Amino acid sequence: QVEWVESGGDFVQAGGSLRLSCTASRIIFGSKAWAWYRQSPGKQRELVASITDAATTNYAASAEGRFTISRDNAKRVVFLQMNNLKPEDTARYFCTFRRGIWGQGTQVTVSS
């Protein structure tokens, strides 16, 4: 059982926006880099975006220009703002500080 929870997933139309949240315990959040991954049926889990403890960000090509990762250290939350969503963004989204350790994730479904 992991000490964080993802939320904010929903069903939206193409072109819409969602903000995902990843809330972690104080012990786990720490001075760590966090990342959002996603996985859709039949596909491998892929990195969407990451953010270091110094707020340096990195994005997959598919997310660049549309998604923004950010963090609120005081509230121990990592956000993923997703704009101009496309049907191909449909997936279950996971946050983690270490690949291979996964929570339940949150489902994002984008209709065309």
PDB file of N, CA and C in Angstrom:
ATOM      1  N   GLN A   1       0.833  -1.178   0.000  1.00  0.00           N
ATOM      2  CA  GLN A   1       0.000   0.000   0.000  1.00  0.00           C
ATOM      3  C   GLN A   1       0.883   1.248   0.000  1.00  0.00           C
ATOM      4  N   VAL A   2       0.649   2.115  -0.998  1.00  0.00           N
ATOM      5  CA  VAL A   2       1.478   3.299  -1.118  1.00  0.00           C
ATOM      6  C   VAL A   2       0.891   4.434  -0.286  1.00  0.00           C
ATOM      7  N   GLU A   3       1.735   5.408   0.008  1.00  0.00           N
ATOM      8  CA  GLU A   3       1.313   6.520   0.851  1.00  0.00           C
ATOM      9  C   GLU A   3       1.021   7.750   0.027  1.00  0.00           C
ATOM     10  N   TRP A   4       0.341   7.571  -1.065  1.00  0.00           N
ATOM     11  CA  TRP A   4      -0.161   8.696  -1.823  1.00  0.00           C
ATOM     12  C   TRP A   4      -1.410   8.269  -2.571  1.00  0.00           C
ATOM     13  N   VAL A   5      -2.141   9.241  -3.055  1.00  0.00           N
ATOM     14  CA  VAL A   5      -3.366   8.960  -3.792  1.00  0.00           C
ATOM     15  C   VAL A   5      -3.504   9.936  -4.945  1.00  0.00           C
ATOM     16  N   GLU A   6      -3.882   9.372  -6.092  1.00  0.00           N
ATOM     17  CA  GLU A   6      -4.139  10.189  -7.266  1.00  0.00           C
ATOM     18  C   GLU A   6      -5.631  10.497  -7.372  1.00  0.00           C
ATOM     19  N   SER A   7      -5.951  11.669  -7.877  1.00  0.00           N
ATOM     20  CA  SER A   7      -7.353  12.049  -8.047  1.00  0.00           C
ATOM     21  C   SER A   7      -7.473  13.051  -9.189  1.00  0.00           C
ATOM     22  N   GLY A   8      -8.707  13.303  -9.577  1.00  0.00           N
ATOM     23  CA  GLY A   8      -8.972  14.320 -10.589  1.00  0.00           C
ATOM     24  C   GLY A   8      -9.337  13.786 -11.961  1.00  0.00           C
ATOM     25  N   GLY A   9      -9.211  12.485 -12.157  1.00  0.00           N
ATOM     26  CA  GLY A   9      -9.570  11.914 -13.443  1.00  0.00           C
ATOM     27  C   GLY A   9     -11.073  12.016 -13.686  1.00  0.00           C
ATOM     28  N   ASP A  10     -11.432  12.089 -14.956  1.00  0.00           N
ATOM     29  CA  ASP A  10     -12.844  12.245 -15.295  1.00  0.00           C
ATOM     30  C   ASP A  10     -13.038  11.918 -16.764  1.00  0.00           C
ATOM     31  N   PHE A  11     -14.286  12.030 -17.176  1.00  0.00           N
ATOM     32  CA  PHE A  11     -14.666  11.849 -18.575  1.00  0.00           C
ATOM     33  C   PHE A  11     -14.855  13.243 -19.161  1.00  0.00           C
ATOM     34  N   VAL A  12     -14.090  13.562 -20.224  1.00  0.00           N
ATOM     35  CA  VAL A  12     -14.192  14.883 -20.836  1.00  0.00           C
ATOM     36  C   VAL A  12     -14.220  14.759 -22.348  1.00  0.00           C
ATOM     37  N   GLN A  13     -14.676  15.809 -22.997  1.00  0.00           N
ATOM     38  CA  GLN A  13     -14.651  15.845 -24.449  1.00  0.00           C
ATOM     39  C   GLN A  13     -13.300  16.350 -24.948  1.00  0.00           C
ATOM     40  N   ALA A  14     -12.977  15.986 -26.157  1.00  0.00           N
ATOM     41  CA  ALA A  14     -11.734  16.467 -26.764  1.00  0.00           C
ATOM     42  C   ALA A  14     -11.693  17.988 -26.716  1.00  0.00           C
ATOM     43  N   GLY A  15     -10.525  18.503 -26.405  1.00  0.00           N
ATOM     44  CA  GLY A  15     -10.365  19.943 -26.259  1.00  0.00           C
ATOM     45  C   GLY A  15     -10.543  20.433 -24.843  1.00  0.00           C
ATOM     46  N   GLY A  16     -11.049  19.584 -23.987  1.00  0.00           N
ATOM     47  CA  GLY A  16     -11.284  19.962 -22.602  1.00  0.00           C
ATOM     48  C   GLY A  16     -10.024  19.915 -21.759  1.00  0.00           C
ATOM     49  N   SER A  17     -10.188  20.208 -20.475  1.00  0.00           N
ATOM     50  CA  SER A  17      -9.067  20.264 -19.541  1.00  0.00           C
ATOM     51  C   SER A  17      -9.395  19.484 -18.273  1.00  0.00           C
ATOM     52  N   LEU A  18      -8.355  19.008 -17.651  1.00  0.00           N
ATOM     53  CA  LEU A  18      -8.456  18.358 -16.344  1.00  0.00           C
ATOM     54  C   LEU A  18      -7.209  18.691 -15.547  1.00  0.00           C
ATOM     55  N   ARG A  19      -7.350  18.695 -14.238  1.00  0.00           N
ATOM     56  CA  ARG A  19      -6.182  18.824 -13.375  1.00  0.00           C
ATOM     57  C   ARG A  19      -6.139  17.615 -12.451  1.00  0.00           C
ATOM     58  N   LEU A  20      -5.093  16.861 -12.561  1.00  0.00           N
ATOM     59  CA  LEU A  20      -4.885  15.704 -11.694  1.00  0.00           C
ATOM     60  C   LEU A  20      -4.067  16.131 -10.484  1.00  0.00           C
ATOM     61  N   SER A  21      -4.354  15.468  -9.372  1.00  0.00           N
ATOM     62  CA  SER A  21      -3.624  15.731  -8.140  1.00  0.00           C
ATOM     63  C   SER A  21      -3.047  14.442  -7.589  1.00  0.00           C
ATOM     64  N   CYS A  22      -1.903  14.562  -6.980  1.00  0.00           N
ATOM     65  CA  CYS A  22      -1.247  13.437  -6.318  1.00  0.00           C
ATOM     66  C   CYS A  22      -0.866  13.926  -4.930  1.00  0.00           C
ATOM     67  N   THR A  23      -1.555  13.420  -3.922  1.00  0.00           N
ATOM     68  CA  THR A  23      -1.339  13.876  -2.552  1.00  0.00           C
ATOM     69  C   THR A  23      -0.612  12.789  -1.772  1.00  0.00           C
ATOM     70  N   ALA A  24       0.496  13.162  -1.172  1.00  0.00           N
ATOM     71  CA  ALA A  24       1.341  12.179  -0.493  1.00  0.00           C
ATOM     72  C   ALA A  24       1.486  12.494   0.982  1.00  0.00           C
ATOM     73  N   SER A  25       1.881  11.490   1.724  1.00  0.00           N
ATOM     74  CA  SER A  25       2.157  11.703   3.142  1.00  0.00           C
ATOM     75  C   SER A  25       3.431  12.528   3.287  1.00  0.00           C
ATOM     76  N   ARG A  26       3.614  13.119   4.468  1.00  0.00           N
ATOM     77  CA  ARG A  26       4.790  13.959   4.695  1.00  0.00           C
ATOM     78  C   ARG A  26       6.079  13.160   4.556  1.00  0.00           C
ATOM     79  N   ILE A  27       6.058  11.958   5.062  1.00  0.00           N
ATOM     80  CA  ILE A  27       7.280  11.151   5.032  1.00  0.00           C
ATOM     81  C   ILE A  27       7.668  10.803   3.601  1.00  0.00           C
ATOM     82  N   ILE A  28       6.660  10.463   2.815  1.00  0.00           N
ATOM     83  CA  ILE A  28       6.942  10.027   1.459  1.00  0.00           C
ATOM     84  C   ILE A  28       7.270  11.197   0.540  1.00  0.00           C
ATOM     85  N   PHE A  29       6.570  12.301   0.671  1.00  0.00           N
ATOM     86  CA  PHE A  29       6.708  13.391  -0.308  1.00  0.00           C
ATOM     87  C   PHE A  29       8.135  13.905  -0.353  1.00  0.00           C
ATOM     88  N   GLY A  30       8.599  14.352   0.793  1.00  0.00           N
ATOM     89  CA  GLY A  30       9.992  14.735   0.957  1.00  0.00           C
ATOM     90  C   GLY A  30      10.577  15.579  -0.145  1.00  0.00           C
ATOM     91  N   SER A  31      11.892  15.544  -0.252  1.00  0.00           N
ATOM     92  CA  SER A  31      12.613  16.284  -1.287  1.00  0.00           C
ATOM     93  C   SER A  31      12.899  15.336  -2.447  1.00  0.00           C
ATOM     94  N   LYS A  32      11.847  14.896  -3.048  1.00  0.00           N
ATOM     95  CA  LYS A  32      11.979  13.905  -4.116  1.00  0.00           C
ATOM     96  C   LYS A  32      11.471  14.462  -5.440  1.00  0.00           C
ATOM     97  N   ALA A  33      11.957  13.871  -6.482  1.00  0.00           N
ATOM     98  CA  ALA A  33      11.372  14.110  -7.801  1.00  0.00           C
ATOM     99  C   ALA A  33      10.145  13.218  -7.930  1.00  0.00           C
ATOM    100  N   TRP A  34       9.110  13.758  -8.527  1.00  0.00           N
ATOM    101  CA  TRP A  34       7.874  13.010  -8.754  1.00  0.00           C
ATOM    102  C   TRP A  34       7.550  13.034 -10.242  1.00  0.00           C
ATOM    103  N   ALA A  35       6.774  12.049 -10.633  1.00  0.00           N
ATOM    104  CA  ALA A  35       6.439  11.948 -12.054  1.00  0.00           C
ATOM    105  C   ALA A  35       5.023  11.435 -12.227  1.00  0.00           C
ATOM    106  N   TRP A  36       4.460  11.792 -13.351  1.00  0.00           N
ATOM    107  CA  TRP A  36       3.182  11.224 -13.772  1.00  0.00           C
ATOM    108  C   TRP A  36       3.445  10.277 -14.942  1.00  0.00           C
ATOM    109  N   TYR A  37       2.833   9.100 -14.848  1.00  0.00           N
ATOM    110  CA  TYR A  37       2.864   8.122 -15.925  1.00  0.00           C
ATOM    111  C   TYR A  37       1.412   7.844 -16.335  1.00  0.00           C
ATOM    112  N   ARG A  38       1.259   7.213 -17.470  1.00  0.00           N
ATOM    113  CA  ARG A  38      -0.075   6.788 -17.871  1.00  0.00           C
ATOM    114  C   ARG A  38       0.010   5.447 -18.597  1.00  0.00           C
ATOM    115  N   GLN A  39      -1.096   4.746 -18.536  1.00  0.00           N
ATOM    116  CA  GLN A  39      -1.171   3.458 -19.206  1.00  0.00           C
ATOM    117  C   GLN A  39      -2.568   3.264 -19.753  1.00  0.00           C
ATOM    118  N   SER A  40      -2.644   2.921 -21.016  1.00  0.00           N
ATOM    119  CA  SER A  40      -3.921   2.599 -21.640  1.00  0.00           C
ATOM    120  C   SER A  40      -3.917   1.120 -21.971  1.00  0.00           C
ATOM    121  N   PRO A  41      -5.086   0.521 -22.130  1.00  0.00           N
ATOM    122  CA  PRO A  41      -5.172  -0.925 -22.372  1.00  0.00           C
ATOM    123  C   PRO A  41      -4.319  -1.371 -23.551  1.00  0.00           C
ATOM    124  N   GLY A  42      -3.541  -2.414 -23.324  1.00  0.00           N
ATOM    125  CA  GLY A  42      -2.727  -2.970 -24.385  1.00  0.00           C
ATOM    126  C   GLY A  42      -1.429  -2.243 -24.638  1.00  0.00           C
ATOM    127  N   LYS A  43      -1.169  -1.207 -23.866  1.00  0.00           N
ATOM    128  CA  LYS A  43       0.057  -0.430 -24.063  1.00  0.00           C
ATOM    129  C   LYS A  43       0.895  -0.420 -22.795  1.00  0.00           C
ATOM    130  N   GLN A  44       2.172  -0.162 -22.978  1.00  0.00           N
ATOM    131  CA  GLN A  44       3.058  -0.059 -21.826  1.00  0.00           C
ATOM    132  C   GLN A  44       2.844   1.265 -21.096  1.00  0.00           C
ATOM    133  N   ARG A  45       3.147   1.240 -19.816  1.00  0.00           N
ATOM    134  CA  ARG A  45       3.058   2.467 -19.043  1.00  0.00           C
ATOM    135  C   ARG A  45       4.146   3.417 -19.536  1.00  0.00           C
ATOM    136  N   GLU A  46       3.793   4.669 -19.712  1.00  0.00           N
ATOM    137  CA  GLU A  46       4.747   5.627 -20.251  1.00  0.00           C
ATOM    138  C   GLU A  46       4.826   6.872 -19.387  1.00  0.00           C
ATOM    139  N   LEU A  47       5.994   7.459 -19.378  1.00  0.00           N
ATOM    140  CA  LEU A  47       6.211   8.701 -18.641  1.00  0.00           C
ATOM    141  C   LEU A  47       5.513   9.847 -19.351  1.00  0.00           C
ATOM    142  N   VAL A  48       4.806  10.647 -18.580  1.00  0.00           N
ATOM    143  CA  VAL A  48       4.138  11.823 -19.122  1.00  0.00           C
ATOM    144  C   VAL A  48       4.924  13.086 -18.779  1.00  0.00           C
ATOM    145  N   ALA A  49       5.269  13.234 -17.511  1.00  0.00           N
ATOM    146  CA  ALA A  49       5.985  14.422 -17.060  1.00  0.00           C
ATOM    147  C   ALA A  49       6.622  14.130 -15.719  1.00  0.00           C
ATOM    148  N   SER A  50       7.680  14.860 -15.415  1.00  0.00           N
ATOM    149  CA  SER A  50       8.348  14.712 -14.124  1.00  0.00           C
ATOM    150  C   SER A  50       8.761  16.083 -13.611  1.00  0.00           C
ATOM    151  N   ILE A  51       8.966  16.138 -12.301  1.00  0.00           N
ATOM    152  CA  ILE A  51       9.373  17.389 -11.670  1.00  0.00           C
ATOM    153  C   ILE A  51      10.307  17.073 -10.519  1.00  0.00           C
ATOM    154  N   THR A  52      11.435  17.771 -10.461  1.00  0.00           N
ATOM    155  CA  THR A  52      12.395  17.557  -9.383  1.00  0.00           C
ATOM    156  C   THR A  52      11.975  18.354  -8.153  1.00  0.00           C
ATOM    157  N   ASP A  53      12.707  18.164  -7.068  1.00  0.00           N
ATOM    158  CA  ASP A  53      12.400  18.939  -5.861  1.00  0.00           C
ATOM    159  C   ASP A  53      12.694  20.413  -6.062  1.00  0.00           C
ATOM    160  N   ALA A  54      13.519  20.731  -7.049  1.00  0.00           N
ATOM    161  CA  ALA A  54      13.805  22.134  -7.374  1.00  0.00           C
ATOM    162  C   ALA A  54      12.863  22.665  -8.457  1.00  0.00           C
ATOM    163  N   ALA A  55      11.847  21.864  -8.778  1.00  0.00           N
ATOM    164  CA  ALA A  55      10.813  22.259  -9.743  1.00  0.00           C
ATOM    165  C   ALA A  55      11.299  22.295 -11.185  1.00  0.00           C
ATOM    166  N   THR A  56      12.361  21.576 -11.482  1.00  0.00           N
ATOM    167  CA  THR A  56      12.765  21.396 -12.877  1.00  0.00           C
ATOM    168  C   THR A  56      11.842  20.356 -13.490  1.00  0.00           C
ATOM    169  N   THR A  57      11.306  20.685 -14.651  1.00  0.00           N
ATOM    170  CA  THR A  57      10.308  19.808 -15.252  1.00  0.00           C
ATOM    171  C   THR A  57      10.810  19.170 -16.543  1.00  0.00           C
ATOM    172  N   ASN A  58      10.165  18.065 -16.868  1.00  0.00           N
ATOM    173  CA  ASN A  58      10.488  17.348 -18.096  1.00  0.00           C
ATOM    174  C   ASN A  58       9.194  16.742 -18.619  1.00  0.00           C
ATOM    175  N   TYR A  59       9.014  16.766 -19.937  1.00  0.00           N
ATOM    176  CA  TYR A  59       7.764  16.291 -20.528  1.00  0.00           C
ATOM    177  C   TYR A  59       8.021  15.319 -21.665  1.00  0.00           C
ATOM    178  N   ALA A  60       7.118  14.376 -21.809  1.00  0.00           N
ATOM    179  CA  ALA A  60       7.101  13.557 -23.007  1.00  0.00           C
ATOM    180  C   ALA A  60       6.673  14.438 -24.178  1.00  0.00           C
ATOM    181  N   ALA A  61       7.079  14.048 -25.353  1.00  0.00           N
ATOM    182  CA  ALA A  61       6.743  14.840 -26.542  1.00  0.00           C
ATOM    183  C   ALA A  61       5.234  15.006 -26.692  1.00  0.00           C
ATOM    184  N   SER A  62       4.502  13.979 -26.317  1.00  0.00           N
ATOM    185  CA  SER A  62       3.045  14.016 -26.454  1.00  0.00           C
ATOM    186  C   SER A  62       2.393  15.002 -25.497  1.00  0.00           C
ATOM    187  N   ALA A  63       3.095  15.340 -24.419  1.00  0.00           N
ATOM    188  CA  ALA A  63       2.547  16.238 -23.404  1.00  0.00           C
ATOM    189  C   ALA A  63       3.058  17.667 -23.542  1.00  0.00           C
ATOM    190  N   GLU A  64       4.153  17.833 -24.213  1.00  0.00           N
ATOM    191  CA  GLU A  64       4.781  19.146 -24.327  1.00  0.00           C
ATOM    192  C   GLU A  64       3.814  20.162 -24.924  1.00  0.00           C
ATOM    193  N   GLY A  65       3.694  21.298 -24.249  1.00  0.00           N
ATOM    194  CA  GLY A  65       2.837  22.356 -24.743  1.00  0.00           C
ATOM    195  C   GLY A  65       1.379  22.257 -24.344  1.00  0.00           C
ATOM    196  N   ARG A  66       0.976  21.096 -23.859  1.00  0.00           N
ATOM    197  CA  ARG A  66      -0.424  20.915 -23.448  1.00  0.00           C
ATOM    198  C   ARG A  66      -0.560  20.625 -21.960  1.00  0.00           C
ATOM    199  N   PHE A  67       0.409  19.947 -21.392  1.00  0.00           N
ATOM    200  CA  PHE A  67       0.364  19.553 -19.992  1.00  0.00           C
ATOM    201  C   PHE A  67       1.381  20.363 -19.192  1.00  0.00           C
ATOM    202  N   THR A  68       1.054  20.609 -17.941  1.00  0.00           N
ATOM    203  CA  THR A  68       1.966  21.289 -17.029  1.00  0.00           C
ATOM    204  C   THR A  68       2.006  20.544 -15.704  1.00  0.00           C
ATOM    205  N   ILE A  69       3.197  20.151 -15.302  1.00  0.00           N
ATOM    206  CA  ILE A  69       3.367  19.511 -14.006  1.00  0.00           C
ATOM    207  C   ILE A  69       3.860  20.559 -13.018  1.00  0.00           C
ATOM    208  N   SER A  70       3.348  20.496 -11.811  1.00  0.00           N
ATOM    209  CA  SER A  70       3.770  21.441 -10.775  1.00  0.00           C
ATOM    210  C   SER A  70       3.656  20.754  -9.419  1.00  0.00           C
ATOM    211  N   ARG A  71       4.178  21.408  -8.397  1.00  0.00           N
ATOM    212  CA  ARG A  71       4.112  20.815  -7.068  1.00  0.00           C
ATOM    213  C   ARG A  71       3.916  21.904  -6.024  1.00  0.00           C
ATOM    214  N   ASP A  72       3.229  21.541  -4.983  1.00  0.00           N
ATOM    215  CA  ASP A  72       3.043  22.403  -3.815  1.00  0.00           C
ATOM    216  C   ASP A  72       3.662  21.652  -2.651  1.00  0.00           C
ATOM    217  N   ASN A  73       4.872  22.013  -2.299  1.00  0.00           N
ATOM    218  CA  ASN A  73       5.587  21.268  -1.262  1.00  0.00           C
ATOM    219  C   ASN A  73       4.921  21.401   0.106  1.00  0.00           C
ATOM    220  N   ALA A  74       4.344  22.549   0.370  1.00  0.00           N
ATOM    221  CA  ALA A  74       3.706  22.758   1.672  1.00  0.00           C
ATOM    222  C   ALA A  74       2.510  21.829   1.855  1.00  0.00           C
ATOM    223  N   LYS A  75       1.789  21.582   0.755  1.00  0.00           N
ATOM    224  CA  LYS A  75       0.600  20.718   0.834  1.00  0.00           C
ATOM    225  C   LYS A  75       0.902  19.291   0.404  1.00  0.00           C
ATOM    226  N   ARG A  76       2.138  19.041  -0.024  1.00  0.00           N
ATOM    227  CA  ARG A  76       2.575  17.696  -0.436  1.00  0.00           C
ATOM    228  C   ARG A  76       1.723  17.173  -1.599  1.00  0.00           C
ATOM    229  N   VAL A  77       1.562  18.016  -2.596  1.00  0.00           N
ATOM    230  CA  VAL A  77       0.744  17.661  -3.753  1.00  0.00           C
ATOM    231  C   VAL A  77       1.528  17.924  -5.040  1.00  0.00           C
ATOM    232  N   VAL A  78       1.397  17.000  -5.962  1.00  0.00           N
ATOM    233  CA  VAL A  78       1.924  17.178  -7.317  1.00  0.00           C
ATOM    234  C   VAL A  78       0.732  17.245  -8.256  1.00  0.00           C
ATOM    235  N   PHE A  79       0.727  18.243  -9.120  1.00  0.00           N
ATOM    236  CA  PHE A  79      -0.385  18.442 -10.036  1.00  0.00           C
ATOM    237  C   PHE A  79       0.028  18.123 -11.468  1.00  0.00           C
ATOM    238  N   LEU A  80      -0.962  17.756 -12.256  1.00  0.00           N
ATOM    239  CA  LEU A  80      -0.773  17.653 -13.693  1.00  0.00           C
ATOM    240  C   LEU A  80      -1.961  18.359 -14.345  1.00  0.00           C
ATOM    241  N   GLN A  81      -1.706  19.563 -14.841  1.00  0.00           N
ATOM    242  CA  GLN A  81      -2.726  20.309 -15.567  1.00  0.00           C
ATOM    243  C   GLN A  81      -2.686  19.862 -17.019  1.00  0.00           C
ATOM    244  N   MET A  82      -3.814  19.394 -17.509  1.00  0.00           N
ATOM    245  CA  MET A  82      -3.883  18.869 -18.869  1.00  0.00           C
ATOM    246  C   MET A  82      -4.893  19.690 -19.661  1.00  0.00           C
ATOM    247  N   ASN A  83      -4.411  20.337 -20.690  1.00  0.00           N
ATOM    248  CA  ASN A  83      -5.257  21.165 -21.556  1.00  0.00           C
ATOM    249  C   ASN A  83      -5.318  20.578 -22.961  1.00  0.00           C
ATOM    250  N   ASN A  84      -6.330  21.002 -23.686  1.00  0.00           N
ATOM    251  CA  ASN A  84      -6.494  20.545 -25.080  1.00  0.00           C
ATOM    252  C   ASN A  84      -6.377  19.019 -25.159  1.00  0.00           C
ATOM    253  N   LEU A  85      -7.134  18.354 -24.328  1.00  0.00           N
ATOM    254  CA  LEU A  85      -7.064  16.899 -24.272  1.00  0.00           C
ATOM    255  C   LEU A  85      -7.525  16.267 -25.571  1.00  0.00           C
ATOM    256  N   LYS A  86      -6.899  15.149 -25.894  1.00  0.00           N
ATOM    257  CA  LYS A  86      -7.199  14.403 -27.118  1.00  0.00           C
ATOM    258  C   LYS A  86      -7.636  12.990 -26.752  1.00  0.00           C
ATOM    259  N   PRO A  87      -8.370  12.336 -27.629  1.00  0.00           N
ATOM    260  CA  PRO A  87      -8.780  10.958 -27.334  1.00  0.00           C
ATOM    261  C   PRO A  87      -7.596  10.044 -27.012  1.00  0.00           C
ATOM    262  N   GLU A  88      -6.465  10.302 -27.618  1.00  0.00           N
ATOM    263  CA  GLU A  88      -5.292   9.461 -27.348  1.00  0.00           C
ATOM    264  C   GLU A  88      -4.694   9.695 -25.964  1.00  0.00           C
ATOM    265  N   ASP A  89      -5.172  10.689 -25.248  1.00  0.00           N
ATOM    266  CA  ASP A  89      -4.762  10.890 -23.863  1.00  0.00           C
ATOM    267  C   ASP A  89      -5.532   9.977 -22.905  1.00  0.00           C
ATOM    268  N   THR A  90      -6.518   9.287 -23.428  1.00  0.00           N
ATOM    269  CA  THR A  90      -7.293   8.375 -22.589  1.00  0.00           C
ATOM    270  C   THR A  90      -6.382   7.300 -22.012  1.00  0.00           C
ATOM    271  N   ALA A  91      -6.364   7.208 -20.690  1.00  0.00           N
ATOM    272  CA  ALA A  91      -5.473   6.269 -20.004  1.00  0.00           C
ATOM    273  C   ALA A  91      -5.730   6.365 -18.509  1.00  0.00           C
ATOM    274  N   ARG A  92      -5.116   5.459 -17.795  1.00  0.00           N
ATOM    275  CA  ARG A  92      -5.094   5.578 -16.339  1.00  0.00           C
ATOM    276  C   ARG A  92      -3.775   6.269 -15.996  1.00  0.00           C
ATOM    277  N   TYR A  93      -3.852   7.287 -15.178  1.00  0.00           N
ATOM    278  CA  TYR A  93      -2.699   8.108 -14.842  1.00  0.00           C
ATOM    279  C   TYR A  93      -2.234   7.802 -13.415  1.00  0.00           C
ATOM    280  N   PHE A  94      -0.932   7.651 -13.297  1.00  0.00           N
ATOM    281  CA  PHE A  94      -0.318   7.299 -12.029  1.00  0.00           C
ATOM    282  C   PHE A  94       0.774   8.294 -11.669  1.00  0.00           C
ATOM    283  N   CYS A  95       0.887   8.600 -10.400  1.00  0.00           N
ATOM    284  CA  CYS A  95       2.046   9.375  -9.966  1.00  0.00           C
ATOM    285  C   CYS A  95       2.937   8.455  -9.138  1.00  0.00           C
ATOM    286  N   THR A  96       4.206   8.794  -9.099  1.00  0.00           N
ATOM    287  CA  THR A  96       5.152   8.023  -8.301  1.00  0.00           C
ATOM    288  C   THR A  96       6.445   8.791  -8.164  1.00  0.00           C
ATOM    289  N   PHE A  97       7.222   8.446  -7.149  1.00  0.00           N
ATOM    290  CA  PHE A  97       8.560   8.991  -7.019  1.00  0.00           C
ATOM    291  C   PHE A  97       9.583   7.958  -7.459  1.00  0.00           C
ATOM    292  N   ARG A  98       9.115   6.734  -7.697  1.00  0.00           N
ATOM    293  CA  ARG A  98      10.016   5.668  -8.111  1.00  0.00           C
ATOM    294  C   ARG A  98       9.266   4.717  -9.032  1.00  0.00           C
ATOM    295  N   ARG A  99       9.721   4.645 -10.252  1.00  0.00           N
ATOM    296  CA  ARG A  99       9.088   3.755 -11.210  1.00  0.00           C
ATOM    297  C   ARG A  99       9.067   2.340 -10.659  1.00  0.00           C
ATOM    298  N   GLY A 100       7.900   1.732 -10.765  1.00  0.00           N
ATOM    299  CA  GLY A 100       7.739   0.382 -10.240  1.00  0.00           C
ATOM    300  C   GLY A 100       6.918   0.339  -8.978  1.00  0.00           C
ATOM    301  N   ILE A 101       6.763   1.468  -8.332  1.00  0.00           N
ATOM    302  CA  ILE A 101       5.901   1.579  -7.157  1.00  0.00           C
ATOM    303  C   ILE A 101       4.691   2.384  -7.578  1.00  0.00           C
ATOM    304  N   TRP A 102       3.547   1.721  -7.596  1.00  0.00           N
ATOM    305  CA  TRP A 102       2.361   2.340  -8.164  1.00  0.00           C
ATOM    306  C   TRP A 102       1.201   2.344  -7.194  1.00  0.00           C
ATOM    307  N   GLY A 103       0.432   3.404  -7.275  1.00  0.00           N
ATOM    308  CA  GLY A 103      -0.829   3.490  -6.555  1.00  0.00           C
ATOM    309  C   GLY A 103      -1.958   3.019  -7.439  1.00  0.00           C
ATOM    310  N   GLN A 104      -3.175   3.445  -7.086  1.00  0.00           N
ATOM    311  CA  GLN A 104      -4.351   3.029  -7.839  1.00  0.00           C
ATOM    312  C   GLN A 104      -4.511   3.795  -9.136  1.00  0.00           C
ATOM    313  N   GLY A 105      -3.970   4.990  -9.178  1.00  0.00           N
ATOM    314  CA  GLY A 105      -4.127   5.806 -10.372  1.00  0.00           C
ATOM    315  C   GLY A 105      -5.501   6.448 -10.449  1.00  0.00           C
ATOM    316  N   THR A 106      -5.672   7.255 -11.489  1.00  0.00           N
ATOM    317  CA  THR A 106      -6.958   7.903 -11.725  1.00  0.00           C
ATOM    318  C   THR A 106      -7.239   7.869 -13.228  1.00  0.00           C
ATOM    319  N   GLN A 107      -8.485   7.542 -13.576  1.00  0.00           N
ATOM    320  CA  GLN A 107      -8.839   7.315 -14.975  1.00  0.00           C
ATOM    321  C   GLN A 107      -9.209   8.613 -15.676  1.00  0.00           C
ATOM    322  N   VAL A 108      -8.602   8.808 -16.840  1.00  0.00           N
ATOM    323  CA  VAL A 108      -8.936   9.935 -17.712  1.00  0.00           C
ATOM    324  C   VAL A 108      -9.480   9.360 -19.015  1.00  0.00           C
ATOM    325  N   THR A 109     -10.670   9.784 -19.383  1.00  0.00           N
ATOM    326  CA  THR A 109     -11.277   9.334 -20.624  1.00  0.00           C
ATOM    327  C   THR A 109     -11.660  10.556 -21.445  1.00  0.00           C
ATOM    328  N   VAL A 110     -11.163  10.609 -22.674  1.00  0.00           N
ATOM    329  CA  VAL A 110     -11.418  11.749 -23.548  1.00  0.00           C
ATOM    330  C   VAL A 110     -12.199  11.262 -24.760  1.00  0.00           C
ATOM    331  N   SER A 111     -13.365  11.817 -24.951  1.00  0.00           N
ATOM    332  CA  SER A 111     -14.201  11.413 -26.082  1.00  0.00           C
ATOM    333  C   SER A 111     -13.962  12.341 -27.264  1.00  0.00           C
ATOM    334  N   SER A 112     -14.125  11.786 -28.450  1.00  0.00           N
ATOM    335  CA  SER A 112     -13.911  12.587 -29.667  1.00  0.00           C
ATOM    336  C   SER A 112     -15.168  13.331 -30.073  1.00  0.00           C
TER     337      SER A 112
END
